[in-house]
All heavy atoms as atom14 arrays in JSON, in Angstrom:
{
  "sequence": "AEAEKQATIAELEDYMKNHLGDAVEIKAKITATRK",
  "atom14_mask": [
    [1, 1, 1, 1, 1, 0, 0, 0, 0, 0, 0, 0, 0, 0],
    [1, 1, 1, 1, 1, 1, 1, 1, 1, 0, 0, 0, 0, 0],
    [1, 1, 1, 1, 1, 0, 0, 0, 0, 0, 0, 0, 0, 0],
    [1, 1, 1, 1, 1, 1, 1, 1, 1, 0, 0, 0, 0, 0],
    [1, 1, 1, 1, 1, 1, 1, 1, 1, 0, 0, 0, 0, 0],
    [1, 1, 1, 1, 1, 1, 1, 1, 1, 0, 0, 0, 0, 0],
    [1, 1, 1, 1, 1, 0, 0, 0, 0, 0, 0, 0, 0, 0],
    [1, 1, 1, 1, 1, 1, 1, 0, 0, 0, 0, 0, 0, 0],
    [1, 1, 1, 1, 1, 1, 1, 1, 0, 0, 0, 0, 0, 0],
    [1, 1, 1, 1, 1, 0, 0, 0, 0, 0, 0, 0, 0, 0],
    [1, 1, 1, 1, 1, 1, 1, 1, 1, 0, 0, 0, 0, 0],
    [1, 1, 1, 1, 1, 1, 1, 1, 0, 0, 0, 0, 0, 0],
    [1, 1, 1, 1, 1, 1, 1, 1, 1, 0, 0, 0, 0, 0],
    [1, 1, 1, 1, 1, 1, 1, 1, 0, 0, 0, 0, 0, 0],
    [1, 1, 1, 1, 1, 1, 1, 1, 1, 1, 1, 1, 0, 0],
    [1, 1, 1, 1, 1, 1, 1, 1, 0, 0, 0, 0, 0, 0],
    [1, 1, 1, 1, 1, 1, 1, 1, 1, 0, 0, 0, 0, 0],
    [1, 1, 1, 1, 1, 1, 1, 1, 0, 0, 0, 0, 0, 0],
    [1, 1, 1, 1, 1, 1, 1, 1, 1, 1, 0, 0, 0, 0],
    [1, 1, 1, 1, 1, 1, 1, 1, 0, 0, 0, 0, 0, 0],
    [1, 1, 1, 1, 0, 0, 0, 0, 0, 0, 0, 0, 0, 0],
    [1, 1, 1, 1, 1, 1, 1, 1, 0, 0, 0, 0, 0, 0],
    [1, 1, 1, 1, 1, 0, 0, 0, 0, 0, 0, 0, 0, 0],
    [1, 1, 1, 1, 1, 1, 1, 0, 0, 0, 0, 0, 0, 0],
    [1, 1, 1, 1, 1, 1, 1, 1, 1, 0, 0, 0, 0, 0],
    [1, 1, 1, 1, 1, 1, 1, 1, 0, 0, 0, 0, 0, 0],
    [1, 1, 1, 1, 1, 1, 1, 1, 1, 0, 0, 0, 0, 0],
    [1, 1, 1, 1, 1, 0, 0, 0, 0, 0, 0, 0, 0, 0],
    [1, 1, 1, 1, 1, 1, 1, 1, 1, 0, 0, 0, 0, 0],
    [1, 1, 1, 1, 1, 1, 1, 1, 0, 0, 0, 0, 0, 0],
    [1, 1, 1, 1, 1, 1, 1, 0, 0, 0, 0, 0, 0, 0],
    [1, 1, 1, 1, 1, 0, 0, 0, 0, 0, 0, 0, 0, 0],
    [1, 1, 1, 1, 1, 1, 1, 0, 0, 0, 0, 0, 0, 0],
    [1, 1, 1, 1, 1, 1, 1, 1, 1, 1, 1, 0, 0, 0],
    [1, 1, 1, 1, 1, 1, 1, 1, 1, 0, 0, 0, 0, 0]
  ],
  "atom14_positions": [
    [[-31.05, 77.44, -0.18], [-30.84, 77.03, 1.22], [-31.79, 77.79, 2.14], [-32.35, 77.22, 3.1], [-29.39, 77.28, 1.62], [0.0, 0.0, 0.0], [0.0, 0.0, 0.0], [0.0, 0.0, 0.0], [0.0, 0.0, 0.0], [0.0, 0.0, 0.0], [0.0, 0.0, 0.0], [0.0, 0.0, 0.0], [0.0, 0.0, 0.0], [0.0, 0.0, 0.0]],
    [[-31.99, 79.07, 1.85], [-32.91, 79.89, 2.64], [-34.33, 79.33, 2.57], [-35.02, 79.21, 3.61], [-32.89, 81.33, 2.14], [-33.82, 82.26, 2.93], [-33.88, 83.64, 2.32], [-33.76, 83.76, 1.07], [-34.07, 84.61, 3.07], [0.0, 0.0, 0.0], [0.0, 0.0, 0.0], [0.0, 0.0, 0.0], [0.0, 0.0, 0.0], [0.0, 0.0, 0.0]],
    [[-34.75, 78.97, 1.38], [-36.1, 78.43, 1.19], [-36.26, 77.1, 1.93], [-37.31, 76.82, 2.54], [-36.38, 78.24, -0.3], [0.0, 0.0, 0.0], [0.0, 0.0, 0.0], [0.0, 0.0, 0.0], [0.0, 0.0, 0.0], [0.0, 0.0, 0.0], [0.0, 0.0, 0.0], [0.0, 0.0, 0.0], [0.0, 0.0, 0.0], [0.0, 0.0, 0.0]],
    [[-35.2, 76.29, 1.9], [-35.24, 74.99, 2.58], [-35.33, 75.17, 4.1], [-36.09, 74.45, 4.78], [-34.0, 74.17, 2.23], [-33.99, 73.67, 0.78], [-32.67, 73.01, 0.41], [-31.76, 72.98, 1.27], [-32.55, 72.53, -0.74], [0.0, 0.0, 0.0], [0.0, 0.0, 0.0], [0.0, 0.0, 0.0], [0.0, 0.0, 0.0], [0.0, 0.0, 0.0]],
    [[-34.56, 76.1, 4.64], [-34.59, 76.35, 6.09], [-35.97, 76.87, 6.51], [-36.5, 76.47, 7.55], [-33.53, 77.41, 6.47], [-32.09, 77.02, 6.16], [-31.65, 75.78, 6.89], [-30.2, 75.41, 6.55], [-29.79, 74.12, 7.15], [0.0, 0.0, 0.0], [0.0, 0.0, 0.0], [0.0, 0.0, 0.0], [0.0, 0.0, 0.0], [0.0, 0.0, 0.0]],
    [[-36.53, 77.77, 5.68], [-37.86, 78.3, 5.99], [-38.91, 77.19, 5.96], [-39.81, 77.15, 6.83], [-38.22, 79.39, 4.97], [-37.44, 80.69, 5.15], [-37.73, 81.7, 4.06], [-37.97, 81.33, 2.91], [-37.71, 82.98, 4.4], [0.0, 0.0, 0.0], [0.0, 0.0, 0.0], [0.0, 0.0, 0.0], [0.0, 0.0, 0.0], [0.0, 0.0, 0.0]],
    [[-38.78, 76.28, 5.01], [-39.73, 75.15, 4.9], [-39.59, 74.22, 6.1], [-40.6, 73.73, 6.65], [-39.48, 74.38, 3.59], [0.0, 0.0, 0.0], [0.0, 0.0, 0.0], [0.0, 0.0, 0.0], [0.0, 0.0, 0.0], [0.0, 0.0, 0.0], [0.0, 0.0, 0.0], [0.0, 0.0, 0.0], [0.0, 0.0, 0.0], [0.0, 0.0, 0.0]],
    [[-38.33, 74.0, 6.53], [-38.08, 73.13, 7.69], [-38.69, 73.72, 8.95], [-39.32, 73.02, 9.76], [-36.56, 72.93, 7.88], [-36.02, 72.28, 6.72], [-36.29, 72.07, 9.11], [0.0, 0.0, 0.0], [0.0, 0.0, 0.0], [0.0, 0.0, 0.0], [0.0, 0.0, 0.0], [0.0, 0.0, 0.0], [0.0, 0.0, 0.0], [0.0, 0.0, 0.0]],
    [[-38.49, 75.03, 9.12], [-39.04, 75.72, 10.3], [-40.57, 75.65, 10.29], [-41.21, 75.39, 11.33], [-38.55, 77.18, 10.34], [-37.05, 77.22, 10.65], [-39.33, 77.98, 11.4], [-36.44, 78.59, 10.5], [0.0, 0.0, 0.0], [0.0, 0.0, 0.0], [0.0, 0.0, 0.0], [0.0, 0.0, 0.0], [0.0, 0.0, 0.0], [0.0, 0.0, 0.0]],
    [[-41.16, 75.88, 9.13], [-42.62, 75.83, 9.0], [-43.14, 74.44, 9.35], [-44.18, 74.29, 10.03], [-43.03, 76.22, 7.6], [0.0, 0.0, 0.0], [0.0, 0.0, 0.0], [0.0, 0.0, 0.0], [0.0, 0.0, 0.0], [0.0, 0.0, 0.0], [0.0, 0.0, 0.0], [0.0, 0.0, 0.0], [0.0, 0.0, 0.0], [0.0, 0.0, 0.0]],
    [[-42.4, 73.43, 8.89], [-42.81, 72.05, 9.16], [-42.71, 71.73, 10.65], [-43.63, 71.11, 11.23], [-41.93, 71.09, 8.36], [-42.35, 69.63, 8.49], [-41.49, 68.7, 7.65], [-40.39, 69.12, 7.2], [-41.9, 67.55, 7.45], [0.0, 0.0, 0.0], [0.0, 0.0, 0.0], [0.0, 0.0, 0.0], [0.0, 0.0, 0.0], [0.0, 0.0, 0.0]],
    [[-41.62, 72.14, 11.3], [-41.43, 71.89, 12.73], [-42.47, 72.64, 13.57], [-42.98, 72.1, 14.58], [-40.01, 72.32, 13.15], [-38.86, 71.44, 12.63], [-37.52, 72.09, 12.89], [-38.93, 70.04, 13.27], [0.0, 0.0, 0.0], [0.0, 0.0, 0.0], [0.0, 0.0, 0.0], [0.0, 0.0, 0.0], [0.0, 0.0, 0.0], [0.0, 0.0, 0.0]],
    [[-42.78, 73.85, 13.14], [-43.81, 74.62, 13.85], [-45.18, 73.94, 13.72], [-46.0, 73.98, 14.66], [-43.85, 76.06, 13.31], [-42.66, 76.9, 13.75], [-42.69, 78.3, 13.14], [-43.43, 78.49, 12.13], [-41.99, 79.2, 13.65], [0.0, 0.0, 0.0], [0.0, 0.0, 0.0], [0.0, 0.0, 0.0], [0.0, 0.0, 0.0], [0.0, 0.0, 0.0]],
    [[-45.42, 73.33, 12.59], [-46.67, 72.6, 12.38], [-46.73, 71.38, 13.31], [-47.81, 71.05, 13.86], [-46.77, 72.16, 10.94], [-48.14, 71.57, 10.62], [-49.15, 72.3, 10.8], [-48.22, 70.4, 10.19], [0.0, 0.0, 0.0], [0.0, 0.0, 0.0], [0.0, 0.0, 0.0], [0.0, 0.0, 0.0], [0.0, 0.0, 0.0], [0.0, 0.0, 0.0]],
    [[-45.55, 70.72, 13.49], [-45.48, 69.59, 14.42], [-45.82, 70.05, 15.84], [-46.56, 69.37, 16.58], [-44.08, 68.96, 14.42], [-43.76, 68.16, 13.19], [-42.44, 67.75, 12.93], [-44.76, 67.77, 12.28], [-42.13, 67.0, 11.81], [-44.46, 67.01, 11.17], [-43.14, 66.64, 10.93], [-42.84, 65.89, 9.82], [0.0, 0.0, 0.0], [0.0, 0.0, 0.0]],
    [[-45.24, 71.22, 16.22], [-45.49, 71.76, 17.56], [-46.97, 72.08, 17.75], [-47.56, 71.79, 18.79], [-44.68, 73.06, 17.75], [-43.21, 72.83, 18.04], [-42.89, 72.32, 19.73], [-43.29, 73.82, 20.63], [0.0, 0.0, 0.0], [0.0, 0.0, 0.0], [0.0, 0.0, 0.0], [0.0, 0.0, 0.0], [0.0, 0.0, 0.0], [0.0, 0.0, 0.0]],
    [[-47.57, 72.65, 16.72], [-48.96, 73.05, 16.79], [-49.89, 71.84, 16.95], [-50.9, 71.9, 17.68], [-49.33, 73.84, 15.53], [-50.75, 74.35, 15.53], [-51.03, 75.14, 14.25], [-52.45, 75.66, 14.21], [-52.73, 76.43, 12.97], [0.0, 0.0, 0.0], [0.0, 0.0, 0.0], [0.0, 0.0, 0.0], [0.0, 0.0, 0.0], [0.0, 0.0, 0.0]],
    [[-49.53, 70.78, 16.27], [-50.38, 69.58, 16.28], [-49.91, 68.52, 17.28], [-50.4, 67.38, 17.25], [-50.44, 68.97, 14.88], [-51.15, 69.88, 13.89], [-52.36, 70.1, 13.98], [-50.39, 70.46, 12.95], [0.0, 0.0, 0.0], [0.0, 0.0, 0.0], [0.0, 0.0, 0.0], [0.0, 0.0, 0.0], [0.0, 0.0, 0.0], [0.0, 0.0, 0.0]],
    [[-48.92, 68.89, 18.15], [-48.41, 68.0, 19.19], [-47.89, 66.7, 18.59], [-48.16, 65.59, 19.1], [-49.5, 67.71, 20.23], [-50.09, 68.94, 20.82], [-49.42, 69.79, 21.68], [-51.34, 69.52, 20.63], [-50.2, 70.8, 22.02], [-51.38, 70.68, 21.38], [0.0, 0.0, 0.0], [0.0, 0.0, 0.0], [0.0, 0.0, 0.0], [0.0, 0.0, 0.0]],
    [[-47.12, 66.81, 17.5], [-46.54, 65.63, 16.86], [-45.07, 65.54, 17.23], [-44.24, 66.28, 16.74], [-46.69, 65.72, 15.33], [-48.12, 65.82, 14.8], [-48.12, 66.06, 13.3], [-48.89, 64.55, 15.15], [0.0, 0.0, 0.0], [0.0, 0.0, 0.0], [0.0, 0.0, 0.0], [0.0, 0.0, 0.0], [0.0, 0.0, 0.0], [0.0, 0.0, 0.0]],
    [[-44.78, 64.64, 18.18], [-43.41, 64.46, 18.61], [-43.1, 65.17, 19.9], [-43.97, 65.8, 20.52], [0.0, 0.0, 0.0], [0.0, 0.0, 0.0], [0.0, 0.0, 0.0], [0.0, 0.0, 0.0], [0.0, 0.0, 0.0], [0.0, 0.0, 0.0], [0.0, 0.0, 0.0], [0.0, 0.0, 0.0], [0.0, 0.0, 0.0], [0.0, 0.0, 0.0]],
    [[-41.8, 65.08, 20.3], [-41.34, 65.67, 21.55], [-41.24, 67.18, 21.37], [-40.47, 67.68, 20.54], [-39.97, 65.09, 21.92], [-39.54, 65.51, 23.32], [-39.62, 66.73, 23.6], [-39.12, 64.65, 24.09], [0.0, 0.0, 0.0], [0.0, 0.0, 0.0], [0.0, 0.0, 0.0], [0.0, 0.0, 0.0], [0.0, 0.0, 0.0], [0.0, 0.0, 0.0]],
    [[-42.02, 67.92, 22.15], [-42.08, 69.36, 22.02], [-40.73, 70.02, 22.29], [-40.32, 70.97, 21.6], [-43.14, 69.92, 22.95], [0.0, 0.0, 0.0], [0.0, 0.0, 0.0], [0.0, 0.0, 0.0], [0.0, 0.0, 0.0], [0.0, 0.0, 0.0], [0.0, 0.0, 0.0], [0.0, 0.0, 0.0], [0.0, 0.0, 0.0], [0.0, 0.0, 0.0]],
    [[-40.0, 69.53, 23.3], [-38.69, 70.11, 23.66], [-37.7, 69.91, 22.52], [-36.96, 70.83, 22.14], [-38.15, 69.47, 24.95], [-36.76, 69.99, 25.26], [-39.09, 69.75, 26.14], [0.0, 0.0, 0.0], [0.0, 0.0, 0.0], [0.0, 0.0, 0.0], [0.0, 0.0, 0.0], [0.0, 0.0, 0.0], [0.0, 0.0, 0.0], [0.0, 0.0, 0.0]],
    [[-37.71, 68.69, 21.99], [-36.78, 68.36, 20.87], [-37.12, 69.19, 19.63], [-36.23, 69.71, 18.95], [-36.87, 66.87, 20.56], [-35.9, 66.44, 19.48], [-36.01, 64.94, 19.19], [-36.67, 64.21, 19.95], [-35.43, 64.53, 18.15], [0.0, 0.0, 0.0], [0.0, 0.0, 0.0], [0.0, 0.0, 0.0], [0.0, 0.0, 0.0], [0.0, 0.0, 0.0]],
    [[-38.44, 69.31, 19.36], [-38.87, 70.08, 18.18], [-38.5, 71.56, 18.33], [-38.0, 72.2, 17.4], [-40.39, 69.95, 17.98], [-40.74, 68.5, 17.6], [-40.88, 70.93, 16.91], [-42.24, 68.22, 17.56], [0.0, 0.0, 0.0], [0.0, 0.0, 0.0], [0.0, 0.0, 0.0], [0.0, 0.0, 0.0], [0.0, 0.0, 0.0], [0.0, 0.0, 0.0]],
    [[-38.69, 72.09, 19.56], [-38.36, 73.49, 19.81], [-36.87, 73.74, 19.64], [-36.45, 74.77, 19.08], [-38.81, 73.86, 21.22], [-38.68, 75.35, 21.52], [-39.26, 75.67, 22.89], [-39.17, 77.17, 23.18], [-39.77, 77.51, 24.5], [0.0, 0.0, 0.0], [0.0, 0.0, 0.0], [0.0, 0.0, 0.0], [0.0, 0.0, 0.0], [0.0, 0.0, 0.0]],
    [[-36.05, 72.78, 20.07], [-34.59, 72.9, 19.94], [-34.19, 72.91, 18.46], [-33.31, 73.67, 18.04], [-33.91, 71.75, 20.68], [0.0, 0.0, 0.0], [0.0, 0.0, 0.0], [0.0, 0.0, 0.0], [0.0, 0.0, 0.0], [0.0, 0.0, 0.0], [0.0, 0.0, 0.0], [0.0, 0.0, 0.0], [0.0, 0.0, 0.0], [0.0, 0.0, 0.0]],
    [[-34.86, 72.05, 17.68], [-34.59, 71.99, 16.24], [-34.98, 73.3, 15.55], [-34.29, 73.77, 14.65], [-35.34, 70.83, 15.62], [-34.72, 69.47, 15.94], [-35.49, 68.36, 15.23], [-34.86, 67.0, 15.52], [-35.58, 65.89, 14.84], [0.0, 0.0, 0.0], [0.0, 0.0, 0.0], [0.0, 0.0, 0.0], [0.0, 0.0, 0.0], [0.0, 0.0, 0.0]],
    [[-36.12, 73.84, 15.99], [-36.57, 75.12, 15.4], [-35.54, 76.22, 15.69], [-35.17, 77.0, 14.8], [-37.95, 75.52, 15.96], [-39.02, 74.58, 15.42], [-38.28, 76.97, 15.6], [-40.4, 74.8, 16.03], [0.0, 0.0, 0.0], [0.0, 0.0, 0.0], [0.0, 0.0, 0.0], [0.0, 0.0, 0.0], [0.0, 0.0, 0.0], [0.0, 0.0, 0.0]],
    [[-35.05, 76.27, 16.94], [-34.06, 77.28, 17.33], [-32.78, 77.13, 16.51], [-32.22, 78.12, 16.02], [-33.73, 77.16, 18.83], [-34.94, 77.33, 19.6], [-32.7, 78.19, 19.25], [0.0, 0.0, 0.0], [0.0, 0.0, 0.0], [0.0, 0.0, 0.0], [0.0, 0.0, 0.0], [0.0, 0.0, 0.0], [0.0, 0.0, 0.0], [0.0, 0.0, 0.0]],
    [[-32.32, 75.87, 16.36], [-31.08, 75.61, 15.62], [-31.25, 75.97, 14.13], [-30.36, 76.56, 13.51], [-30.7, 74.15, 15.77], [0.0, 0.0, 0.0], [0.0, 0.0, 0.0], [0.0, 0.0, 0.0], [0.0, 0.0, 0.0], [0.0, 0.0, 0.0], [0.0, 0.0, 0.0], [0.0, 0.0, 0.0], [0.0, 0.0, 0.0], [0.0, 0.0, 0.0]],
    [[-32.42, 75.63, 13.58], [-32.67, 75.9, 12.16], [-32.79, 77.4, 11.91], [-32.33, 77.9, 10.87], [-33.96, 75.2, 11.71], [-33.86, 73.79, 12.0], [-34.16, 75.36, 10.21], [0.0, 0.0, 0.0], [0.0, 0.0, 0.0], [0.0, 0.0, 0.0], [0.0, 0.0, 0.0], [0.0, 0.0, 0.0], [0.0, 0.0, 0.0], [0.0, 0.0, 0.0]],
    [[-33.39, 78.12, 12.86], [-33.49, 79.57, 12.72], [-32.1, 80.21, 12.73], [-31.83, 81.17, 11.97], [-34.34, 80.15, 13.84], [-35.84, 80.01, 13.58], [-36.64, 80.53, 14.72], [-38.08, 80.47, 14.4], [-39.05, 80.59, 15.32], [-38.72, 80.8, 16.62], [-40.31, 80.53, 14.97], [0.0, 0.0, 0.0], [0.0, 0.0, 0.0], [0.0, 0.0, 0.0]],
    [[-31.19, 79.7, 13.56], [-29.82, 80.21, 13.59], [-29.14, 79.97, 12.24], [-28.43, 80.84, 11.72], [-29.04, 79.53, 14.71], [-27.64, 80.09, 14.88], [-26.93, 79.42, 16.04], [-25.53, 80.02, 16.23], [-24.7, 79.96, 15.02], [0.0, 0.0, 0.0], [0.0, 0.0, 0.0], [0.0, 0.0, 0.0], [0.0, 0.0, 0.0], [0.0, 0.0, 0.0]]
  ]
}
């Protein structure tokens, strides 16, 4: 589960970096996944 959460966060951060999708929504998902 830890590895999956880390992979999800890395993927969402990549979306943020490349401006893929809604930045606010992606940031919220990153925060929730980190928790």
